[in-house]
Amino acid sequence: MKRSRSILLPLLATGLVRTELQAQSAQAISLQVSGLYNGLYGDVFGAFKNGIGGEAQIRYTPGALSVGAGFQYTAHGRKPSPPTDPEPVDASLYGGFIEPRYRIHTGSNVIAPYVSARFSLLKPGFDGGSLSFSSTFIQLNAGGGLLYRLGPRFNLDAGATFGYNHQGGGTLTGVTSDGTPVNERVESDSGTNIVVRLGLAVGLGG
């Protein structure tokens, strides 16, 4: 009896692990590419408008808990800076992020809801001139999403997180589109944001 239990328990444990992995990814390493919506609320950078763009990430999934790291880019409109600039200044936010997530077991090998956190360290960029900003932009979010299994290597991922923005104080320098030199101090500020993602994850390896 004891011998039977010693054989049966590892088999059951292996089966449970496989069930956990199948609902997320059959491979421990996956590559994900997604479209991204980055909604910004507050007075950060003199009212950045909401932006759209994309992200790419590598994710490690040993079990229900997984960790992803990648790069994101979103394009944003922005009011003229300084106000005397006759043309609106388009802008972007780009940089790296880390996103841990935990899959909620529902007994399904096809659909897998999850909860997640997201930490992004971003840099602003500006078009329509030659402007640069000396500080960074932080987003700290929490939320969740849903994975839908398309096949042995493919998952559809739809998720959203809501959280906190912080713009560090710094100096905006350069030349605007009409040739006006800029050298102005930008104070630190904070606000909120929502990040919405729709993407495809591809399992790598065996």
N, C-alpha and C. Protein backbone atom coordinates (compact mmCIF):
# COMPACT_ATOMS: atom_id res chain seq x y z
N MET A 1 0.83 -1.21 0.00
CA MET A 1 0.00 0.00 0.00
C MET A 1 0.86 1.25 0.00
N LYS A 2 1.89 1.27 0.84
CA LYS A 2 2.78 2.42 0.92
C LYS A 2 3.51 2.61 -0.40
N ARG A 3 3.90 1.47 -1.03
CA ARG A 3 4.60 1.56 -2.30
C ARG A 3 3.70 2.16 -3.37
N SER A 4 2.42 1.77 -3.37
CA SER A 4 1.46 2.30 -4.35
C SER A 4 1.29 3.80 -4.18
N ARG A 5 1.21 4.25 -2.92
CA ARG A 5 1.07 5.68 -2.67
C ARG A 5 2.31 6.44 -3.13
N SER A 6 3.49 5.87 -2.91
CA SER A 6 4.73 6.54 -3.29
C SER A 6 4.82 6.71 -4.80
N ILE A 7 4.20 5.80 -5.56
CA ILE A 7 4.19 5.91 -7.01
C ILE A 7 3.09 6.85 -7.48
N LEU A 8 1.92 6.77 -6.82
CA LEU A 8 0.74 7.52 -7.26
C LEU A 8 0.87 9.02 -7.01
N LEU A 9 1.42 9.42 -5.87
CA LEU A 9 1.49 10.84 -5.53
C LEU A 9 2.31 11.65 -6.52
N PRO A 10 3.53 11.20 -6.93
CA PRO A 10 4.27 11.97 -7.94
C PRO A 10 3.52 12.08 -9.26
N LEU A 11 2.79 11.01 -9.64
CA LEU A 11 2.03 11.05 -10.89
C LEU A 11 0.91 12.09 -10.81
N LEU A 12 0.22 12.15 -9.67
CA LEU A 12 -0.84 13.15 -9.49
C LEU A 12 -0.27 14.55 -9.52
N ALA A 13 0.86 14.74 -8.84
CA ALA A 13 1.50 16.06 -8.82
C ALA A 13 1.90 16.50 -10.22
N THR A 14 2.43 15.55 -11.02
CA THR A 14 2.82 15.86 -12.39
C THR A 14 1.60 16.26 -13.21
N GLY A 15 0.50 15.56 -13.00
CA GLY A 15 -0.72 15.87 -13.72
C GLY A 15 -1.25 17.25 -13.39
N LEU A 16 -1.18 17.63 -12.10
CA LEU A 16 -1.66 18.95 -11.69
C LEU A 16 -0.81 20.04 -12.31
N VAL A 17 0.50 19.83 -12.32
CA VAL A 17 1.39 20.84 -12.92
C VAL A 17 1.08 21.00 -14.39
N ARG A 18 0.87 19.87 -15.09
CA ARG A 18 0.56 19.96 -16.51
C ARG A 18 -0.74 20.69 -16.76
N THR A 19 -1.75 20.46 -15.90
CA THR A 19 -3.03 21.15 -16.05
C THR A 19 -2.85 22.64 -15.88
N GLU A 20 -2.05 23.06 -14.88
CA GLU A 20 -1.79 24.47 -14.66
C GLU A 20 -1.13 25.10 -15.88
N LEU A 21 -0.14 24.40 -16.46
CA LEU A 21 0.60 24.94 -17.58
C LEU A 21 -0.24 24.99 -18.84
N GLN A 22 -1.08 23.98 -19.08
CA GLN A 22 -1.86 23.92 -20.31
C GLN A 22 -2.80 25.10 -20.43
N ALA A 23 -3.37 25.58 -19.34
CA ALA A 23 -4.31 26.69 -19.42
C ALA A 23 -3.60 28.00 -19.71
N GLN A 24 -2.27 28.07 -19.49
CA GLN A 24 -1.52 29.29 -19.77
C GLN A 24 -0.67 29.10 -21.02
N SER A 25 0.31 28.24 -20.93
CA SER A 25 1.22 27.98 -22.04
C SER A 25 1.82 26.61 -21.84
N ALA A 26 1.87 25.83 -22.90
CA ALA A 26 2.47 24.50 -22.78
C ALA A 26 3.98 24.57 -22.66
N GLN A 27 4.55 25.74 -22.95
CA GLN A 27 5.99 25.96 -22.85
C GLN A 27 6.29 26.93 -21.72
N ALA A 28 7.40 26.73 -21.05
CA ALA A 28 7.74 27.60 -19.92
C ALA A 28 8.13 29.01 -20.37
N ILE A 29 8.67 29.14 -21.57
CA ILE A 29 9.08 30.44 -22.10
C ILE A 29 8.17 30.81 -23.26
N SER A 30 7.66 32.03 -23.25
CA SER A 30 6.82 32.47 -24.36
C SER A 30 7.16 33.91 -24.75
N LEU A 31 6.87 34.23 -25.99
CA LEU A 31 7.03 35.57 -26.53
C LEU A 31 5.65 36.13 -26.81
N GLN A 32 5.39 37.36 -26.35
CA GLN A 32 4.08 37.96 -26.55
C GLN A 32 4.22 39.32 -27.21
N VAL A 33 3.38 39.57 -28.21
CA VAL A 33 3.30 40.87 -28.89
C VAL A 33 1.86 41.35 -28.78
N SER A 34 1.67 42.63 -28.37
CA SER A 34 0.33 43.13 -28.09
C SER A 34 0.16 44.56 -28.58
N GLY A 35 -1.09 44.88 -28.93
CA GLY A 35 -1.47 46.27 -29.10
C GLY A 35 -1.76 46.86 -27.74
N LEU A 36 -1.52 48.17 -27.57
CA LEU A 36 -1.59 48.79 -26.25
C LEU A 36 -2.34 50.12 -26.32
N TYR A 37 -3.19 50.35 -25.33
CA TYR A 37 -3.84 51.64 -25.13
C TYR A 37 -3.40 52.16 -23.77
N ASN A 38 -2.86 53.38 -23.73
CA ASN A 38 -2.35 53.97 -22.49
C ASN A 38 -3.11 55.26 -22.22
N GLY A 39 -4.09 55.19 -21.32
CA GLY A 39 -4.89 56.35 -20.96
C GLY A 39 -4.30 57.06 -19.76
N LEU A 40 -4.05 58.37 -19.89
CA LEU A 40 -3.42 59.16 -18.83
C LEU A 40 -4.40 60.20 -18.31
N TYR A 41 -4.45 60.34 -16.98
CA TYR A 41 -5.39 61.26 -16.35
C TYR A 41 -4.65 62.10 -15.32
N GLY A 42 -4.86 63.41 -15.37
CA GLY A 42 -4.16 64.33 -14.49
C GLY A 42 -3.40 65.36 -15.31
N ASP A 43 -2.52 66.09 -14.67
CA ASP A 43 -1.79 67.17 -15.33
C ASP A 43 -0.35 66.79 -15.68
N VAL A 44 -0.09 65.49 -15.83
CA VAL A 44 1.27 65.04 -16.12
C VAL A 44 1.73 65.58 -17.47
N PHE A 45 2.91 66.20 -17.49
CA PHE A 45 3.49 66.78 -18.69
C PHE A 45 2.57 67.77 -19.39
N GLY A 46 1.82 68.56 -18.61
CA GLY A 46 0.96 69.55 -19.23
C GLY A 46 -0.11 68.93 -20.09
N ALA A 47 -0.68 67.82 -19.64
CA ALA A 47 -1.81 67.15 -20.29
C ALA A 47 -1.41 66.37 -21.53
N PHE A 48 -0.65 65.30 -21.33
CA PHE A 48 -0.48 64.30 -22.39
C PHE A 48 -1.86 63.75 -22.72
N LYS A 49 -2.15 63.58 -23.98
CA LYS A 49 -3.40 62.93 -24.37
C LYS A 49 -3.23 61.41 -24.30
N ASN A 50 -4.36 60.69 -24.32
CA ASN A 50 -4.30 59.24 -24.31
C ASN A 50 -3.57 58.75 -25.55
N GLY A 51 -2.88 57.61 -25.41
CA GLY A 51 -2.05 57.14 -26.51
C GLY A 51 -2.30 55.69 -26.87
N ILE A 52 -1.88 55.32 -28.08
CA ILE A 52 -1.95 53.93 -28.53
C ILE A 52 -0.57 53.52 -29.04
N GLY A 53 -0.30 52.23 -28.99
CA GLY A 53 0.99 51.73 -29.44
C GLY A 53 1.06 50.24 -29.30
N GLY A 54 2.19 49.74 -28.80
CA GLY A 54 2.35 48.30 -28.69
C GLY A 54 3.42 47.93 -27.68
N GLU A 55 3.54 46.64 -27.43
CA GLU A 55 4.54 46.12 -26.51
C GLU A 55 5.00 44.75 -26.98
N ALA A 56 6.18 44.37 -26.54
CA ALA A 56 6.69 43.01 -26.74
C ALA A 56 7.30 42.56 -25.43
N GLN A 57 7.06 41.31 -25.06
CA GLN A 57 7.59 40.81 -23.79
C GLN A 57 7.96 39.33 -23.89
N ILE A 58 8.91 38.96 -23.05
CA ILE A 58 9.26 37.56 -22.82
C ILE A 58 8.70 37.16 -21.46
N ARG A 59 8.03 36.01 -21.41
CA ARG A 59 7.39 35.58 -20.17
C ARG A 59 7.88 34.19 -19.76
N TYR A 60 8.16 34.05 -18.47
CA TYR A 60 8.55 32.77 -17.89
C TYR A 60 7.39 32.23 -17.07
N THR A 61 6.91 31.03 -17.40
CA THR A 61 5.71 30.46 -16.78
C THR A 61 6.01 29.07 -16.24
N PRO A 62 6.56 28.96 -15.02
CA PRO A 62 6.82 27.64 -14.45
C PRO A 62 5.58 26.99 -13.86
N GLY A 63 4.54 27.78 -13.59
CA GLY A 63 3.32 27.27 -12.99
C GLY A 63 2.25 28.34 -13.03
N ALA A 64 1.42 28.40 -11.98
CA ALA A 64 0.35 29.41 -11.96
C ALA A 64 0.91 30.82 -11.89
N LEU A 65 2.06 31.00 -11.26
CA LEU A 65 2.70 32.31 -11.18
C LEU A 65 3.69 32.45 -12.32
N SER A 66 3.60 33.56 -13.07
CA SER A 66 4.53 33.81 -14.16
C SER A 66 5.02 35.24 -14.08
N VAL A 67 6.15 35.52 -14.76
CA VAL A 67 6.73 36.85 -14.77
C VAL A 67 7.12 37.21 -16.20
N GLY A 68 6.72 38.40 -16.61
CA GLY A 68 7.06 38.88 -17.94
C GLY A 68 7.87 40.17 -17.84
N ALA A 69 8.73 40.39 -18.81
CA ALA A 69 9.51 41.63 -18.89
C ALA A 69 9.59 42.02 -20.36
N GLY A 70 9.47 43.32 -20.64
CA GLY A 70 9.48 43.72 -22.03
C GLY A 70 9.62 45.21 -22.23
N PHE A 71 9.25 45.64 -23.45
CA PHE A 71 9.39 47.03 -23.88
C PHE A 71 8.06 47.50 -24.43
N GLN A 72 7.66 48.73 -24.10
CA GLN A 72 6.41 49.28 -24.59
C GLN A 72 6.64 50.66 -25.22
N TYR A 73 5.76 51.00 -26.16
CA TYR A 73 5.81 52.30 -26.82
C TYR A 73 4.40 52.75 -27.12
N THR A 74 4.05 53.98 -26.73
CA THR A 74 2.75 54.55 -27.09
C THR A 74 2.94 55.98 -27.58
N ALA A 75 2.16 56.36 -28.59
CA ALA A 75 2.21 57.70 -29.16
C ALA A 75 1.08 58.54 -28.59
N HIS A 76 1.39 59.78 -28.19
CA HIS A 76 0.43 60.66 -27.52
C HIS A 76 0.44 62.04 -28.17
N GLY A 77 -0.74 62.64 -28.26
CA GLY A 77 -0.79 64.06 -28.58
C GLY A 77 -0.52 64.88 -27.33
N ARG A 78 -0.18 66.15 -27.50
CA ARG A 78 0.11 67.01 -26.37
C ARG A 78 -0.13 68.47 -26.77
N LYS A 79 -0.54 69.28 -25.81
CA LYS A 79 -0.72 70.69 -26.06
C LYS A 79 0.61 71.36 -26.40
N PRO A 80 0.60 72.50 -27.09
CA PRO A 80 1.85 73.18 -27.41
C PRO A 80 2.66 73.51 -26.17
N SER A 81 3.98 73.40 -26.28
CA SER A 81 4.86 73.76 -25.18
C SER A 81 6.11 74.42 -25.75
N PRO A 82 6.35 75.70 -25.44
CA PRO A 82 5.54 76.56 -24.59
C PRO A 82 4.25 76.98 -25.29
N PRO A 83 3.32 77.66 -24.60
CA PRO A 83 2.04 78.03 -25.20
C PRO A 83 2.19 78.88 -26.46
N THR A 84 3.32 79.55 -26.65
CA THR A 84 3.52 80.38 -27.84
C THR A 84 3.82 79.56 -29.09
N ASP A 85 4.13 78.28 -28.93
CA ASP A 85 4.38 77.42 -30.07
C ASP A 85 3.08 77.26 -30.86
N PRO A 86 3.04 77.62 -32.16
CA PRO A 86 1.79 77.59 -32.91
C PRO A 86 1.30 76.18 -33.24
N GLU A 87 2.18 75.18 -33.14
CA GLU A 87 1.80 73.83 -33.51
C GLU A 87 1.72 72.94 -32.27
N PRO A 88 0.72 72.03 -32.23
CA PRO A 88 0.70 71.05 -31.13
C PRO A 88 1.96 70.19 -31.16
N VAL A 89 2.39 69.75 -30.00
CA VAL A 89 3.59 68.93 -29.89
C VAL A 89 3.17 67.47 -29.66
N ASP A 90 3.42 66.63 -30.65
CA ASP A 90 3.14 65.21 -30.46
C ASP A 90 4.25 64.60 -29.61
N ALA A 91 3.89 63.58 -28.86
CA ALA A 91 4.84 63.01 -27.91
C ALA A 91 4.69 61.50 -27.86
N SER A 92 5.60 60.86 -27.17
CA SER A 92 5.55 59.41 -26.99
C SER A 92 6.08 59.05 -25.61
N LEU A 93 5.69 57.88 -25.16
CA LEU A 93 6.24 57.29 -23.93
C LEU A 93 6.78 55.92 -24.28
N TYR A 94 8.04 55.66 -23.90
CA TYR A 94 8.64 54.39 -24.26
C TYR A 94 9.59 53.94 -23.14
N GLY A 95 9.70 52.63 -22.99
CA GLY A 95 10.60 52.11 -21.96
C GLY A 95 10.26 50.69 -21.57
N GLY A 96 10.85 50.23 -20.48
CA GLY A 96 10.69 48.85 -20.06
C GLY A 96 9.63 48.66 -18.99
N PHE A 97 9.19 47.42 -18.85
CA PHE A 97 8.21 47.09 -17.81
C PHE A 97 8.44 45.67 -17.32
N ILE A 98 7.96 45.42 -16.10
CA ILE A 98 7.93 44.08 -15.50
C ILE A 98 6.49 43.79 -15.11
N GLU A 99 6.01 42.59 -15.43
CA GLU A 99 4.61 42.27 -15.16
C GLU A 99 4.46 40.85 -14.60
N PRO A 100 4.38 40.70 -13.29
CA PRO A 100 4.04 39.39 -12.72
C PRO A 100 2.53 39.15 -12.81
N ARG A 101 2.16 37.91 -12.96
CA ARG A 101 0.73 37.58 -12.96
C ARG A 101 0.50 36.21 -12.31
N TYR A 102 -0.71 36.04 -11.81
CA TYR A 102 -1.07 34.77 -11.18
C TYR A 102 -2.37 34.26 -11.80
N ARG A 103 -2.29 33.07 -12.36
CA ARG A 103 -3.47 32.48 -12.99
C ARG A 103 -4.41 31.91 -11.95
N ILE A 104 -5.70 32.18 -12.11
CA ILE A 104 -6.73 31.67 -11.21
C ILE A 104 -7.26 30.36 -11.78
N HIS A 105 -7.11 29.28 -11.02
CA HIS A 105 -7.52 27.97 -11.52
C HIS A 105 -9.03 27.86 -11.56
N THR A 106 -9.58 27.53 -12.74
CA THR A 106 -11.02 27.37 -12.91
C THR A 106 -11.40 25.97 -13.36
N GLY A 107 -10.40 25.11 -13.56
CA GLY A 107 -10.67 23.76 -14.05
C GLY A 107 -10.71 23.66 -15.56
N SER A 108 -10.53 24.79 -16.25
CA SER A 108 -10.55 24.79 -17.70
C SER A 108 -9.14 24.81 -18.27
N ASN A 109 -8.91 24.06 -19.36
CA ASN A 109 -7.65 24.08 -20.07
C ASN A 109 -7.70 25.02 -21.28
N VAL A 110 -8.78 25.75 -21.43
CA VAL A 110 -8.96 26.64 -22.58
C VAL A 110 -8.96 28.10 -22.15
N ILE A 111 -9.68 28.43 -21.09
CA ILE A 111 -9.79 29.80 -20.62
C ILE A 111 -9.15 29.93 -19.25
N ALA A 112 -8.32 30.96 -19.08
CA ALA A 112 -7.60 31.14 -17.81
C ALA A 112 -7.63 32.61 -17.40
N PRO A 113 -8.45 32.99 -16.42
CA PRO A 113 -8.38 34.36 -15.88
C PRO A 113 -7.15 34.52 -15.01
N TYR A 114 -6.67 35.74 -14.88
CA TYR A 114 -5.49 35.99 -14.05
C TYR A 114 -5.55 37.37 -13.43
N VAL A 115 -4.82 37.55 -12.35
CA VAL A 115 -4.60 38.86 -11.75
C VAL A 115 -3.14 39.23 -11.99
N SER A 116 -2.87 40.54 -12.10
CA SER A 116 -1.51 40.95 -12.46
C SER A 116 -1.15 42.29 -11.85
N ALA A 117 0.13 42.55 -11.81
CA ALA A 117 0.67 43.87 -11.45
C ALA A 117 1.58 44.31 -12.60
N ARG A 118 1.87 45.61 -12.66
CA ARG A 118 2.70 46.11 -13.76
C ARG A 118 3.49 47.32 -13.28
N PHE A 119 4.81 47.27 -13.48
CA PHE A 119 5.67 48.40 -13.17
C PHE A 119 6.39 48.82 -14.44
N SER A 120 6.18 50.08 -14.86
CA SER A 120 6.78 50.59 -16.09
C SER A 120 7.66 51.79 -15.76
N LEU A 121 8.86 51.80 -16.31
CA LEU A 121 9.78 52.94 -16.19
C LEU A 121 9.97 53.49 -17.60
N LEU A 122 9.38 54.66 -17.86
CA LEU A 122 9.27 55.18 -19.22
C LEU A 122 10.01 56.50 -19.38
N LYS A 123 10.30 56.80 -20.64
CA LYS A 123 10.95 58.06 -21.01
C LYS A 123 10.05 58.77 -22.02
N PRO A 124 9.83 60.08 -21.86
CA PRO A 124 9.04 60.81 -22.86
C PRO A 124 9.89 61.23 -24.05
N GLY A 125 9.29 61.18 -25.22
CA GLY A 125 9.92 61.71 -26.42
C GLY A 125 8.98 62.70 -27.08
N PHE A 126 9.51 63.60 -27.90
CA PHE A 126 8.71 64.66 -28.50
C PHE A 126 8.99 64.76 -30.00
N ASP A 127 7.91 65.00 -30.78
CA ASP A 127 8.03 65.23 -32.22
C ASP A 127 7.78 66.70 -32.52
N GLY A 128 7.91 67.08 -33.77
CA GLY A 128 7.61 68.46 -34.16
C GLY A 128 8.63 69.46 -33.66
N GLY A 129 9.84 69.04 -33.45
CA GLY A 129 10.88 69.91 -32.94
C GLY A 129 12.05 69.07 -32.45
N SER A 130 12.84 69.64 -31.59
CA SER A 130 13.99 68.92 -31.03
C SER A 130 13.99 69.10 -29.53
N LEU A 131 12.99 68.50 -28.88
CA LEU A 131 12.81 68.66 -27.45
C LEU A 131 13.22 67.38 -26.72
N SER A 132 13.76 67.55 -25.53
CA SER A 132 14.10 66.40 -24.68
C SER A 132 13.82 66.76 -23.23
N PHE A 133 13.53 65.73 -22.44
CA PHE A 133 13.21 65.92 -21.03
C PHE A 133 14.17 65.09 -20.20
N SER A 134 14.70 65.69 -19.14
CA SER A 134 15.80 65.06 -18.39
C SER A 134 15.35 64.02 -17.37
N SER A 135 14.05 63.89 -17.14
CA SER A 135 13.60 62.97 -16.10
C SER A 135 12.80 61.81 -16.69
N THR A 136 12.19 60.99 -15.83
CA THR A 136 11.48 59.79 -16.26
C THR A 136 10.04 59.81 -15.78
N PHE A 137 9.30 58.80 -16.23
CA PHE A 137 7.87 58.68 -15.99
C PHE A 137 7.60 57.27 -15.48
N ILE A 138 6.93 57.13 -14.34
CA ILE A 138 6.70 55.83 -13.72
C ILE A 138 5.20 55.51 -13.72
N GLN A 139 4.88 54.28 -14.07
CA GLN A 139 3.52 53.77 -13.92
C GLN A 139 3.55 52.53 -13.03
N LEU A 140 2.68 52.50 -12.03
CA LEU A 140 2.58 51.38 -11.10
C LEU A 140 1.12 50.94 -11.06
N ASN A 141 0.83 49.77 -11.62
CA ASN A 141 -0.54 49.35 -11.87
C ASN A 141 -0.86 47.98 -11.29
N ALA A 142 -2.15 47.70 -11.20
CA ALA A 142 -2.66 46.37 -10.84
C ALA A 142 -3.93 46.12 -11.63
N GLY A 143 -4.21 44.86 -11.92
CA GLY A 143 -5.41 44.53 -12.69
C GLY A 143 -5.48 43.05 -12.97
N GLY A 144 -5.86 42.71 -14.18
CA GLY A 144 -6.00 41.31 -14.54
C GLY A 144 -6.38 41.15 -15.99
N GLY A 145 -6.76 39.92 -16.35
CA GLY A 145 -7.11 39.67 -17.74
C GLY A 145 -7.56 38.24 -17.94
N LEU A 146 -7.57 37.85 -19.20
CA LEU A 146 -8.07 36.53 -19.58
C LEU A 146 -7.19 35.96 -20.70
N LEU A 147 -6.73 34.73 -20.51
CA LEU A 147 -6.01 34.00 -21.54
C LEU A 147 -6.95 33.02 -22.22
N TYR A 148 -6.89 32.96 -23.54
CA TYR A 148 -7.71 32.01 -24.29
C TYR A 148 -6.77 31.14 -25.14
N ARG A 149 -6.80 29.85 -24.91
CA ARG A 149 -5.88 28.92 -25.56
C ARG A 149 -6.33 28.65 -27.00
N LEU A 150 -5.47 29.04 -27.97
CA LEU A 150 -5.77 28.82 -29.38
C LEU A 150 -5.19 27.52 -29.91
N GLY A 151 -4.16 27.01 -29.25
CA GLY A 151 -3.50 25.80 -29.69
C GLY A 151 -2.37 25.45 -28.76
N PRO A 152 -1.57 24.43 -29.09
CA PRO A 152 -0.49 23.99 -28.20
C PRO A 152 0.53 25.09 -27.90
N ARG A 153 0.72 26.05 -28.83
CA ARG A 153 1.73 27.08 -28.63
C ARG A 153 1.16 28.50 -28.59
N PHE A 154 -0.13 28.66 -28.81
CA PHE A 154 -0.67 30.01 -28.99
C PHE A 154 -1.76 30.32 -27.97
N ASN A 155 -1.64 31.50 -27.35
CA ASN A 155 -2.66 32.01 -26.44
C ASN A 155 -3.04 33.43 -26.84
N LEU A 156 -4.32 33.72 -26.81
CA LEU A 156 -4.80 35.09 -26.95
C LEU A 156 -4.90 35.70 -25.56
N ASP A 157 -4.39 36.92 -25.41
CA ASP A 157 -4.35 37.57 -24.09
C ASP A 157 -5.05 38.91 -24.15
N ALA A 158 -6.06 39.10 -23.32
CA ALA A 158 -6.74 40.39 -23.19
C ALA A 158 -6.66 40.81 -21.73
N GLY A 159 -6.10 41.98 -21.46
CA GLY A 159 -5.93 42.40 -20.07
C GLY A 159 -6.01 43.90 -19.90
N ALA A 160 -6.17 44.33 -18.67
CA ALA A 160 -6.19 45.75 -18.35
C ALA A 160 -5.68 45.97 -16.94
N THR A 161 -4.95 47.06 -16.73
CA THR A 161 -4.49 47.43 -15.39
C THR A 161 -4.78 48.91 -15.16
N PHE A 162 -4.99 49.25 -13.92
CA PHE A 162 -5.26 50.63 -13.53
C PHE A 162 -4.28 51.01 -12.43
N GLY A 163 -3.80 52.25 -12.44
CA GLY A 163 -2.84 52.59 -11.40
C GLY A 163 -2.40 54.04 -11.37
N TYR A 164 -1.18 54.21 -10.92
CA TYR A 164 -0.62 55.49 -10.51
C TYR A 164 0.47 55.93 -11.48
N ASN A 165 0.45 57.19 -11.87
CA ASN A 165 1.51 57.81 -12.66
C ASN A 165 2.35 58.72 -11.79
N HIS A 166 3.64 58.77 -12.04
CA HIS A 166 4.48 59.79 -11.42
C HIS A 166 5.49 60.30 -12.43
N GLN A 167 5.43 61.59 -12.67
CA GLN A 167 6.40 62.25 -13.53
C GLN A 167 7.44 62.93 -12.65
N GLY A 168 8.69 62.55 -12.81
CA GLY A 168 9.75 63.19 -12.05
C GLY A 168 10.03 64.59 -12.55
N GLY A 169 10.46 65.46 -11.65
CA GLY A 169 10.81 66.81 -12.05
C GLY A 169 12.07 66.81 -12.91
N GLY A 170 12.15 67.76 -13.84
CA GLY A 170 13.31 67.83 -14.72
C GLY A 170 13.27 69.09 -15.56
N THR A 171 14.11 69.11 -16.59
CA THR A 171 14.21 70.27 -17.46
C THR A 171 13.86 69.88 -18.89
N LEU A 172 12.95 70.63 -19.49
CA LEU A 172 12.58 70.47 -20.90
C LEU A 172 13.44 71.41 -21.72
N THR A 173 14.24 70.86 -22.62
CA THR A 173 15.17 71.68 -23.41
C THR A 173 15.05 71.34 -24.89
N GLY A 174 15.57 72.24 -25.73
CA GLY A 174 15.58 72.00 -27.16
C GLY A 174 15.03 73.16 -27.94
N VAL A 175 14.50 72.85 -29.13
CA VAL A 175 13.95 73.85 -30.04
C VAL A 175 12.61 73.37 -30.56
N THR A 176 11.61 74.22 -30.55
CA THR A 176 10.28 73.85 -31.04
C THR A 176 10.27 73.84 -32.56
N SER A 177 9.12 73.43 -33.14
CA SER A 177 9.01 73.30 -34.60
C SER A 177 9.17 74.62 -35.33
N ASP A 178 8.89 75.75 -34.67
CA ASP A 178 9.04 77.05 -35.33
C ASP A 178 10.38 77.71 -35.00
N GLY A 179 11.31 76.96 -34.38
CA GLY A 179 12.63 77.47 -34.09
C GLY A 179 12.79 78.17 -32.77
N THR A 180 11.76 78.14 -31.91
CA THR A 180 11.83 78.79 -30.61
C THR A 180 12.64 77.94 -29.63
N PRO A 181 13.70 78.49 -29.03
CA PRO A 181 14.47 77.70 -28.05
C PRO A 181 13.67 77.51 -26.76
N VAL A 182 13.83 76.36 -26.15
CA VAL A 182 13.11 76.02 -24.93
C VAL A 182 14.12 75.58 -23.88
N ASN A 183 13.97 76.12 -22.68
CA ASN A 183 14.77 75.69 -21.53
C ASN A 183 13.94 76.01 -20.29
N GLU A 184 13.03 75.11 -19.96
CA GLU A 184 12.10 75.38 -18.87
C GLU A 184 12.07 74.23 -17.86
N ARG A 185 11.88 74.60 -16.63
CA ARG A 185 11.80 73.64 -15.55
C ARG A 185 10.39 73.05 -15.50
N VAL A 186 10.29 71.71 -15.43
CA VAL A 186 9.02 71.02 -15.30
C VAL A 186 8.98 70.38 -13.92
N GLU A 187 7.99 70.76 -13.14
CA GLU A 187 7.87 70.23 -11.78
C GLU A 187 7.32 68.81 -11.80
N SER A 188 7.64 68.04 -10.77
CA SER A 188 7.11 66.68 -10.66
C SER A 188 5.60 66.73 -10.47
N ASP A 189 4.93 65.70 -10.93
CA ASP A 189 3.47 65.65 -10.86
C ASP A 189 3.03 64.20 -10.84
N SER A 190 1.77 63.97 -10.55
CA SER A 190 1.25 62.60 -10.49
C SER A 190 -0.18 62.57 -11.00
N GLY A 191 -0.65 61.38 -11.30
CA GLY A 191 -2.01 61.20 -11.78
C GLY A 191 -2.33 59.72 -11.80
N THR A 192 -3.30 59.34 -12.62
CA THR A 192 -3.70 57.94 -12.75
C THR A 192 -3.66 57.54 -14.22
N ASN A 193 -3.76 56.24 -14.46
CA ASN A 193 -3.72 55.74 -15.82
C ASN A 193 -4.46 54.42 -15.93
N ILE A 194 -4.79 54.07 -17.15
CA ILE A 194 -5.31 52.74 -17.45
C ILE A 194 -4.57 52.22 -18.67
N VAL A 195 -4.10 50.98 -18.58
CA VAL A 195 -3.40 50.34 -19.69
C VAL A 195 -4.22 49.13 -20.13
N VAL A 196 -4.60 49.10 -21.40
CA VAL A 196 -5.41 48.01 -21.95
C VAL A 196 -4.59 47.30 -23.03
N ARG A 197 -4.60 45.97 -23.01
CA ARG A 197 -3.77 45.18 -23.92
C ARG A 197 -4.57 44.09 -24.60
N LEU A 198 -4.29 43.86 -25.88
CA LEU A 198 -4.81 42.71 -26.60
C LEU A 198 -3.66 42.14 -27.42
N GLY A 199 -3.29 40.89 -27.16
CA GLY A 199 -2.12 40.37 -27.83
C GLY A 199 -2.13 38.87 -28.04
N LEU A 200 -1.05 38.40 -28.64
CA LEU A 200 -0.88 36.99 -28.95
C LEU A 200 0.43 36.51 -28.32
N ALA A 201 0.36 35.42 -27.56
CA ALA A 201 1.53 34.81 -26.94
C ALA A 201 1.88 33.52 -27.67
N VAL A 202 3.17 33.33 -27.95
CA VAL A 202 3.66 32.16 -28.66
C VAL A 202 4.66 31.41 -27.78
N GLY A 203 4.40 30.15 -27.48
CA GLY A 203 5.31 29.36 -26.68
C GLY A 203 6.58 29.01 -27.46
N LEU A 204 7.72 29.07 -26.78
CA LEU A 204 9.00 28.79 -27.40
C LEU A 204 9.59 27.51 -26.84
N GLY A 205 10.35 26.78 -27.63
CA GLY A 205 11.00 25.57 -27.15
C GLY A 205 10.05 24.38 -27.13
N GLY A 206 10.49 23.33 -26.41
CA GLY A 206 9.70 22.11 -26.35
C GLY A 206 8.67 22.13 -25.25
